[in-house]
């Protein structure tokens, strides 16, 4: 895929929930056609992100956040005991 496709864009814009509600259709068009991404803020803190469908959010993180998200291993036991 060429580097100028929307999937390769690093444009990130932060918007309030109120602004997102009022401009949602425009934001979706900008995501689809210009490759932009939007982070929605509530009280100044990020709560959601608008990215193109099929684009994983982890892939869309800026390089400074790469690898910052992990999944802890499951250490729960099943409750059944097996005899040796």
PDB file of N, CA and C in Angstrom:
ATOM      1  N   UNK A   1       0.842  -1.178   0.000  1.00  0.00           N
ATOM      2  CA  UNK A   1       0.000   0.000   0.000  1.00  0.00           C
ATOM      3  C   UNK A   1       0.890   1.245   0.000  1.00  0.00           C
ATOM      4  N   UNK A   2       0.629   2.220  -0.866  1.00  0.00           N
ATOM      5  CA  UNK A   2       1.457   3.425  -0.899  1.00  0.00           C
ATOM      6  C   UNK A   2       1.375   4.197   0.407  1.00  0.00           C
ATOM      7  N   UNK A   3       2.435   4.923   0.719  1.00  0.00           N
ATOM      8  CA  UNK A   3       2.511   5.661   1.982  1.00  0.00           C
ATOM      9  C   UNK A   3       1.508   6.802   2.057  1.00  0.00           C
ATOM     10  N   UNK A   4       0.938   7.237   0.922  1.00  0.00           N
ATOM     11  CA  UNK A   4       0.006   8.350   0.945  1.00  0.00           C
ATOM     12  C   UNK A   4      -1.450   7.904   1.110  1.00  0.00           C
ATOM     13  N   UNK A   5      -1.685   6.638   1.390  1.00  0.00           N
ATOM     14  CA  UNK A   5      -3.044   6.166   1.617  1.00  0.00           C
ATOM     15  C   UNK A   5      -3.515   6.602   2.990  1.00  0.00           C
ATOM     16  N   UNK A   6      -4.827   6.707   3.183  1.00  0.00           N
ATOM     17  CA  UNK A   6      -5.346   7.120   4.499  1.00  0.00           C
ATOM     18  C   UNK A   6      -4.876   6.234   5.638  1.00  0.00           C
ATOM     19  N   UNK A   7      -4.583   4.953   5.368  1.00  0.00           N
ATOM     20  CA  UNK A   7      -4.194   4.037   6.427  1.00  0.00           C
ATOM     21  C   UNK A   7      -2.849   4.384   7.028  1.00  0.00           C
ATOM     22  N   UNK A   8      -2.035   5.133   6.301  1.00  0.00           N
ATOM     23  CA  UNK A   8      -0.696   5.447   6.766  1.00  0.00           C
ATOM     24  C   UNK A   8      -0.609   6.812   7.448  1.00  0.00           C
ATOM     25  N   UNK A   9      -1.701   7.561   7.470  1.00  0.00           N
ATOM     26  CA  UNK A   9      -1.678   8.909   8.022  1.00  0.00           C
ATOM     27  C   UNK A   9      -1.460   8.893   9.531  1.00  0.00           C
ATOM     28  N   UNK A  10      -0.771   9.896  10.030  1.00  0.00           N
ATOM     29  CA  UNK A  10      -0.527  10.024  11.460  1.00  0.00           C
ATOM     30  C   UNK A  10      -1.227  11.254  12.027  1.00  0.00           C
ATOM     31  N   UNK A  11      -2.217  11.814  11.294  1.00  0.00           N
ATOM     32  CA  UNK A  11      -2.927  13.002  11.755  1.00  0.00           C
ATOM     33  C   UNK A  11      -3.829  12.599  12.915  1.00  0.00           C
ATOM     34  N   UNK A  12      -3.628  13.239  14.063  1.00  0.00           N
ATOM     35  CA  UNK A  12      -4.406  12.940  15.254  1.00  0.00           C
ATOM     36  C   UNK A  12      -4.972  14.241  15.792  1.00  0.00           C
ATOM     37  N   UNK A  13      -6.292  14.280  15.984  1.00  0.00           N
ATOM     38  CA  UNK A  13      -6.959  15.467  16.475  1.00  0.00           C
ATOM     39  C   UNK A  13      -7.745  15.112  17.725  1.00  0.00           C
ATOM     40  N   UNK A  14      -7.608  15.913  18.776  1.00  0.00           N
ATOM     41  CA  UNK A  14      -8.378  15.714  20.001  1.00  0.00           C
ATOM     42  C   UNK A  14      -9.598  16.627  19.972  1.00  0.00           C
ATOM     43  N   UNK A  15     -10.764  16.044  20.303  1.00  0.00           N
ATOM     44  CA  UNK A  15     -12.018  16.805  20.299  1.00  0.00           C
ATOM     45  C   UNK A  15     -12.830  16.447  21.538  1.00  0.00           C
ATOM     46  N   UNK A  16     -13.668  17.373  21.960  1.00  0.00           N
ATOM     47  CA  UNK A  16     -14.552  17.107  23.099  1.00  0.00           C
ATOM     48  C   UNK A  16     -15.717  16.229  22.649  1.00  0.00           C
ATOM     49  N   UNK A  17     -16.396  15.622  23.607  1.00  0.00           N
ATOM     50  CA  UNK A  17     -17.571  14.805  23.287  1.00  0.00           C
ATOM     51  C   UNK A  17     -18.635  15.668  22.618  1.00  0.00           C
ATOM     52  N   UNK A  18     -18.809  16.891  23.098  1.00  0.00           N
ATOM     53  CA  UNK A  18     -19.801  17.795  22.511  1.00  0.00           C
ATOM     54  C   UNK A  18     -19.488  18.069  21.046  1.00  0.00           C
ATOM     55  N   UNK A  19     -18.223  18.380  20.750  1.00  0.00           N
ATOM     56  CA  UNK A  19     -17.821  18.638  19.372  1.00  0.00           C
ATOM     57  C   UNK A  19     -17.984  17.383  18.520  1.00  0.00           C
ATOM     58  N   UNK A  20     -17.634  16.226  19.046  1.00  0.00           N
ATOM     59  CA  UNK A  20     -17.776  14.972  18.305  1.00  0.00           C
ATOM     60  C   UNK A  20     -19.242  14.712  17.963  1.00  0.00           C
ATOM     61  N   UNK A  21     -20.120  14.970  18.900  1.00  0.00           N
ATOM     62  CA  UNK A  21     -21.550  14.762  18.669  1.00  0.00           C
ATOM     63  C   UNK A  21     -22.050  15.688  17.556  1.00  0.00           C
ATOM     64  N   UNK A  22     -21.618  16.930  17.569  1.00  0.00           N
ATOM     65  CA  UNK A  22     -22.086  17.910  16.589  1.00  0.00           C
ATOM     66  C   UNK A  22     -21.492  17.684  15.200  1.00  0.00           C
ATOM     67  N   UNK A  23     -20.278  17.165  15.126  1.00  0.00           N
ATOM     68  CA  UNK A  23     -19.557  17.062  13.859  1.00  0.00           C
ATOM     69  C   UNK A  23     -19.254  15.629  13.437  1.00  0.00           C
ATOM     70  N   UNK A  24     -19.976  14.641  13.986  1.00  0.00           N
ATOM     71  CA  UNK A  24     -19.646  13.237  13.753  1.00  0.00           C
ATOM     72  C   UNK A  24     -19.565  12.881  12.267  1.00  0.00           C
ATOM     73  N   UNK A  25     -20.533  13.296  11.470  1.00  0.00           N
ATOM     74  CA  UNK A  25     -20.520  12.948  10.042  1.00  0.00           C
ATOM     75  C   UNK A  25     -19.271  13.500   9.361  1.00  0.00           C
ATOM     76  N   UNK A  26     -18.887  14.720   9.678  1.00  0.00           N
ATOM     77  CA  UNK A  26     -17.684  15.317   9.103  1.00  0.00           C
ATOM     78  C   UNK A  26     -16.437  14.554   9.552  1.00  0.00           C
ATOM     79  N   UNK A  27     -16.383  14.192  10.834  1.00  0.00           N
ATOM     80  CA  UNK A  27     -15.225  13.453  11.350  1.00  0.00           C
ATOM     81  C   UNK A  27     -15.092  12.102  10.659  1.00  0.00           C
ATOM     82  N   UNK A  28     -16.200  11.418  10.454  1.00  0.00           N
ATOM     83  CA  UNK A  28     -16.163  10.120   9.787  1.00  0.00           C
ATOM     84  C   UNK A  28     -15.646  10.268   8.364  1.00  0.00           C
ATOM     85  N   UNK A  29     -16.099  11.288   7.648  1.00  0.00           N
ATOM     86  CA  UNK A  29     -15.588  11.523   6.293  1.00  0.00           C
ATOM     87  C   UNK A  29     -14.099  11.818   6.311  1.00  0.00           C
ATOM     88  N   UNK A  30     -13.638  12.587   7.281  1.00  0.00           N
ATOM     89  CA  UNK A  30     -12.215  12.905   7.376  1.00  0.00           C
ATOM     90  C   UNK A  30     -11.388  11.663   7.713  1.00  0.00           C
ATOM     91  N   UNK A  31     -11.949  10.765   8.516  1.00  0.00           N
ATOM     92  CA  UNK A  31     -11.269   9.501   8.830  1.00  0.00           C
ATOM     93  C   UNK A  31     -11.154   8.655   7.557  1.00  0.00           C
ATOM     94  N   UNK A  32     -12.257   8.544   6.824  1.00  0.00           N
ATOM     95  CA  UNK A  32     -12.279   7.700   5.630  1.00  0.00           C
ATOM     96  C   UNK A  32     -11.441   8.249   4.481  1.00  0.00           C
ATOM     97  N   UNK A  33     -11.560   9.536   4.213  1.00  0.00           N
ATOM     98  CA  UNK A  33     -10.965  10.093   3.005  1.00  0.00           C
ATOM     99  C   UNK A  33      -9.640  10.816   3.222  1.00  0.00           C
ATOM    100  N   UNK A  34      -9.389  11.307   4.426  1.00  0.00           N
ATOM    101  CA  UNK A  34      -8.140  12.025   4.680  1.00  0.00           C
ATOM    102  C   UNK A  34      -7.215  11.244   5.608  1.00  0.00           C
ATOM    103  N   UNK A  35      -7.706  10.122   6.140  1.00  0.00           N
ATOM    104  CA  UNK A  35      -6.868   9.293   6.997  1.00  0.00           C
ATOM    105  C   UNK A  35      -6.649   9.855   8.388  1.00  0.00           C
ATOM    106  N   UNK A  36      -7.476  10.812   8.788  1.00  0.00           N
ATOM    107  CA  UNK A  36      -7.317  11.392  10.124  1.00  0.00           C
ATOM    108  C   UNK A  36      -7.818  10.434  11.193  1.00  0.00           C
ATOM    109  N   UNK A  37      -7.398  10.672  12.423  1.00  0.00           N
ATOM    110  CA  UNK A  37      -7.887   9.943  13.594  1.00  0.00           C
ATOM    111  C   UNK A  37      -8.319  10.989  14.613  1.00  0.00           C
ATOM    112  N   UNK A  38      -9.338  10.658  15.377  1.00  0.00           N
ATOM    113  CA  UNK A  38      -9.834  11.577  16.386  1.00  0.00           C
ATOM    114  C   UNK A  38      -9.859  10.894  17.747  1.00  0.00           C
ATOM    115  N   UNK A  39      -9.360  11.591  18.759  1.00  0.00           N
ATOM    116  CA  UNK A  39      -9.461  11.131  20.144  1.00  0.00           C
ATOM    117  C   UNK A  39     -10.533  11.990  20.787  1.00  0.00           C
ATOM    118  N   UNK A  40     -11.523  11.334  21.376  1.00  0.00           N
ATOM    119  CA  UNK A  40     -12.624  12.046  22.026  1.00  0.00           C
ATOM    120  C   UNK A  40     -12.295  12.195  23.502  1.00  0.00           C
ATOM    121  N   UNK A  41     -12.407  13.425  23.985  1.00  0.00           N
ATOM    122  CA  UNK A  41     -12.072  13.738  25.374  1.00  0.00           C
ATOM    123  C   UNK A  41     -13.324  14.006  26.190  1.00  0.00           C
ATOM    124  N   UNK A  42     -13.314  13.524  27.426  1.00  0.00           N
ATOM    125  CA  UNK A  42     -14.353  13.866  28.405  1.00  0.00           C
ATOM    126  C   UNK A  42     -13.619  14.491  29.573  1.00  0.00           C
ATOM    127  N   UNK A  43     -13.974  15.725  29.865  1.00  0.00           N
ATOM    128  CA  UNK A  43     -13.308  16.472  30.937  1.00  0.00           C
ATOM    129  C   UNK A  43     -11.795  16.490  30.734  1.00  0.00           C
ATOM    130  N   UNK A  44     -11.375  16.614  29.469  1.00  0.00           N
ATOM    131  CA  UNK A  44      -9.966  16.716  29.146  1.00  0.00           C
ATOM    132  C   UNK A  44      -9.188  15.409  29.112  1.00  0.00           C
ATOM    133  N   UNK A  45      -9.873  14.276  29.345  1.00  0.00           N
ATOM    134  CA  UNK A  45      -9.193  12.979  29.337  1.00  0.00           C
ATOM    135  C   UNK A  45      -9.708  12.120  28.184  1.00  0.00           C
ATOM    136  N   UNK A  46      -8.823  11.406  27.492  1.00  0.00           N
ATOM    137  CA  UNK A  46      -9.251  10.579  26.362  1.00  0.00           C
ATOM    138  C   UNK A  46     -10.140   9.418  26.809  1.00  0.00           C
ATOM    139  N   UNK A  47     -11.257   9.237  26.079  1.00  0.00           N
ATOM    140  CA  UNK A  47     -12.182   8.145  26.403  1.00  0.00           C
ATOM    141  C   UNK A  47     -12.488   7.250  25.201  1.00  0.00           C
ATOM    142  N   UNK A  48     -12.243   7.753  23.986  1.00  0.00           N
ATOM    143  CA  UNK A  48     -12.542   6.962  22.792  1.00  0.00           C
ATOM    144  C   UNK A  48     -11.724   7.496  21.628  1.00  0.00           C
ATOM    145  N   UNK A  49     -11.655   6.675  20.578  1.00  0.00           N
ATOM    146  CA  UNK A  49     -10.929   7.077  19.384  1.00  0.00           C
ATOM    147  C   UNK A  49     -11.728   6.675  18.162  1.00  0.00           C
ATOM    148  N   UNK A  50     -11.760   7.563  17.177  1.00  0.00           N
ATOM    149  CA  UNK A  50     -12.405   7.260  15.899  1.00  0.00           C
ATOM    150  C   UNK A  50     -11.292   6.950  14.906  1.00  0.00           C
ATOM    151  N   UNK A  51     -11.269   5.717  14.427  1.00  0.00           N
ATOM    152  CA  UNK A  51     -10.291   5.280  13.419  1.00  0.00           C
ATOM    153  C   UNK A  51     -11.053   4.553  12.331  1.00  0.00           C
ATOM    154  N   UNK A  52     -10.452   4.425  11.168  1.00  0.00           N
ATOM    155  CA  UNK A  52     -11.090   3.725  10.061  1.00  0.00           C
ATOM    156  C   UNK A  52     -11.337   2.262  10.427  1.00  0.00           C
ATOM    157  N   UNK A  53     -12.454   1.715   9.997  1.00  0.00           N
ATOM    158  CA  UNK A  53     -12.794   0.323  10.250  1.00  0.00           C
ATOM    159  C   UNK A  53     -11.708  -0.578   9.684  1.00  0.00           C
ATOM    160  N   UNK A  54     -11.332  -1.563  10.455  1.00  0.00           N
ATOM    161  CA  UNK A  54     -10.284  -2.472  10.019  1.00  0.00           C
ATOM    162  C   UNK A  54      -8.903  -2.026  10.454  1.00  0.00           C
ATOM    163  N   UNK A  55      -8.798  -0.827  10.977  1.00  0.00           N
ATOM    164  CA  UNK A  55      -7.526  -0.311  11.476  1.00  0.00           C
ATOM    165  C   UNK A  55      -7.532  -0.508  12.978  1.00  0.00           C
ATOM    166  N   UNK A  56      -6.694  -1.408  13.457  1.00  0.00           N
ATOM    167  CA  UNK A  56      -6.650  -1.680  14.892  1.00  0.00           C
ATOM    168  C   UNK A  56      -6.176  -0.453  15.635  1.00  0.00           C
ATOM    169  N   UNK A  57      -6.782  -0.190  16.773  1.00  0.00           N
ATOM    170  CA  UNK A  57      -6.401   0.974  17.582  1.00  0.00           C
ATOM    171  C   UNK A  57      -4.949   0.901  18.007  1.00  0.00           C
ATOM    172  N   UNK A  58      -4.453  -0.281  18.329  1.00  0.00           N
ATOM    173  CA  UNK A  58      -3.050  -0.397  18.753  1.00  0.00           C
ATOM    174  C   UNK A  58      -2.107  -0.020  17.624  1.00  0.00           C
ATOM    175  N   UNK A  59      -2.498  -0.325  16.372  1.00  0.00           N
ATOM    176  CA  UNK A  59      -1.680   0.049  15.228  1.00  0.00           C
ATOM    177  C   UNK A  59      -1.713   1.551  14.992  1.00  0.00           C
ATOM    178  N   UNK A  60      -2.764   2.205  15.467  1.00  0.00           N
ATOM    179  CA  UNK A  60      -2.931   3.628  15.225  1.00  0.00           C
ATOM    180  C   UNK A  60      -2.241   4.491  16.269  1.00  0.00           C
ATOM    181  N   UNK A  61      -1.713   3.881  17.325  1.00  0.00           N
ATOM    182  CA  UNK A  61      -1.051   4.663  18.358  1.00  0.00           C
ATOM    183  C   UNK A  61       0.219   5.309  17.816  1.00  0.00           C
ATOM    184  N   UNK A  62       0.518   6.510  18.286  1.00  0.00           N
ATOM    185  CA  UNK A  62       1.785   7.119  17.880  1.00  0.00           C
ATOM    186  C   UNK A  62       2.950   6.222  18.286  1.00  0.00           C
ATOM    187  N   UNK A  63       4.082   6.325  17.588  1.00  0.00           N
ATOM    188  CA  UNK A  63       5.239   5.482  17.855  1.00  0.00           C
ATOM    189  C   UNK A  63       5.688   5.556  19.310  1.00  0.00           C
ATOM    190  N   UNK A  64       5.476   6.695  19.971  1.00  0.00           N
ATOM    191  CA  UNK A  64       5.914   6.830  21.355  1.00  0.00           C
ATOM    192  C   UNK A  64       5.146   5.905  22.289  1.00  0.00           C
ATOM    193  N   UNK A  65       3.972   5.393  21.833  1.00  0.00           N
ATOM    194  CA  UNK A  65       3.170   4.492  22.655  1.00  0.00           C
ATOM    195  C   UNK A  65       3.313   3.035  22.227  1.00  0.00           C
ATOM    196  N   UNK A  66       4.083   2.785  21.209  1.00  0.00           N
ATOM    197  CA  UNK A  66       4.221   1.421  20.693  1.00  0.00           C
ATOM    198  C   UNK A  66       4.727   0.489  21.790  1.00  0.00           C
ATOM    199  N   UNK A  67       4.058  -0.626  21.952  1.00  0.00           N
ATOM    200  CA  UNK A  67       4.457  -1.613  22.939  1.00  0.00           C
ATOM    201  C   UNK A  67       4.027  -1.287  24.366  1.00  0.00           C
ATOM    202  N   UNK A  68       3.309  -0.188  24.555  1.00  0.00           N
ATOM    203  CA  UNK A  68       2.920   0.219  25.901  1.00  0.00           C
ATOM    204  C   UNK A  68       1.700  -0.548  26.400  1.00  0.00           C
ATOM    205  N   UNK A  69       1.020  -1.242  25.508  1.00  0.00           N
ATOM    206  CA  UNK A  69      -0.174  -1.978  25.893  1.00  0.00           C
ATOM    207  C   UNK A  69       0.170  -3.456  25.907  1.00  0.00           C
ATOM    208  N   UNK A  70      -0.158  -4.134  26.998  1.00  0.00           N
ATOM    209  CA  UNK A  70       0.113  -5.557  27.089  1.00  0.00           C
ATOM    210  C   UNK A  70      -1.045  -6.277  27.748  1.00  0.00           C
ATOM    211  N   UNK A  71      -1.036  -7.575  27.673  1.00  0.00           N
ATOM    212  CA  UNK A  71      -2.070  -8.394  28.283  1.00  0.00           C
ATOM    213  C   UNK A  71      -1.395  -9.303  29.290  1.00  0.00           C
ATOM    214  N   UNK A  72      -1.865  -9.245  30.523  1.00  0.00           N
ATOM    215  CA  UNK A  72      -1.296 -10.082  31.574  1.00  0.00           C
ATOM    216  C   UNK A  72      -1.735 -11.524  31.364  1.00  0.00           C
ATOM    217  N   UNK A  73      -0.900 -12.453  31.766  1.00  0.00           N
ATOM    218  CA  UNK A  73      -1.262 -13.860  31.622  1.00  0.00           C
ATOM    219  C   UNK A  73      -2.345 -14.218  32.640  1.00  0.00           C
ATOM    220  N   UNK A  74      -3.126 -15.220  32.293  1.00  0.00           N
ATOM    221  CA  UNK A  74      -4.213 -15.677  33.157  1.00  0.00           C
ATOM    222  C   UNK A  74      -3.652 -16.653  34.182  1.00  0.00           C
ATOM    223  N   UNK A  75      -3.658 -16.270  35.450  1.00  0.00           N
ATOM    224  CA  UNK A  75      -3.099 -17.120  36.499  1.00  0.00           C
ATOM    225  C   UNK A  75      -4.180 -17.792  37.335  1.00  0.00           C
ATOM    226  N   UNK A  76      -5.432 -17.686  36.898  1.00  0.00           N
ATOM    227  CA  UNK A  76      -6.522 -18.324  37.643  1.00  0.00           C
ATOM    228  C   UNK A  76      -6.446 -19.837  37.500  1.00  0.00           C
ATOM    229  N   UNK A  77      -6.912 -20.534  38.509  1.00  0.00           N
ATOM    230  CA  UNK A  77      -6.968 -21.994  38.433  1.00  0.00           C
ATOM    231  C   UNK A  77      -8.387 -22.402  38.084  1.00  0.00           C
ATOM    232  N   UNK A  78      -8.533 -23.579  37.554  1.00  0.00           N
ATOM    233  CA  UNK A  78      -9.864 -24.051  37.142  1.00  0.00           C
ATOM    234  C   UNK A  78     -10.675 -24.557  38.311  1.00  0.00           C
ATOM    235  N   UNK A  79     -10.054 -24.781  39.448  1.00  0.00           N
ATOM    236  CA  UNK A  79     -10.784 -25.270  40.604  1.00  0.00           C
ATOM    237  C   UNK A  79     -10.772 -26.783  40.698  1.00  0.00           C
ATOM    238  N   UNK A  80     -10.394 -27.464  39.638  1.00  0.00           N
ATOM    239  CA  UNK A  80     -10.334 -28.922  39.700  1.00  0.00           C
ATOM    240  C   UNK A  80      -8.919 -29.348  40.080  1.00  0.00           C
ATOM    241  N   UNK A  81      -8.853 -30.387  40.853  1.00  0.00           N
ATOM    242  CA  UNK A  81      -7.542 -30.903  41.274  1.00  0.00           C
ATOM    243  C   UNK A  81      -7.311 -32.232  40.572  1.00  0.00           C
ATOM    244  N   UNK A  82      -6.122 -32.392  40.047  1.00  0.00           N
ATOM    245  CA  UNK A  82      -5.792 -33.670  39.419  1.00  0.00           C
ATOM    246  C   UNK A  82      -4.828 -34.417  40.313  1.00  0.00           C
ATOM    247  N   UNK A  83      -5.009 -35.693  40.391  1.00  0.00           N
ATOM    248  CA  UNK A  83      -4.133 -36.554  41.193  1.00  0.00           C
ATOM    249  C   UNK A  83      -2.909 -36.882  40.365  1.00  0.00           C
ATOM    250  N   UNK A  84      -1.690 -36.843  40.960  1.00  0.00           N
ATOM    251  CA  UNK A  84      -0.483 -37.211  40.203  1.00  0.00           C
ATOM    252  C   UNK A  84      -0.403 -38.671  39.921  1.00  0.00           C
TER     253      UNK A  84
END
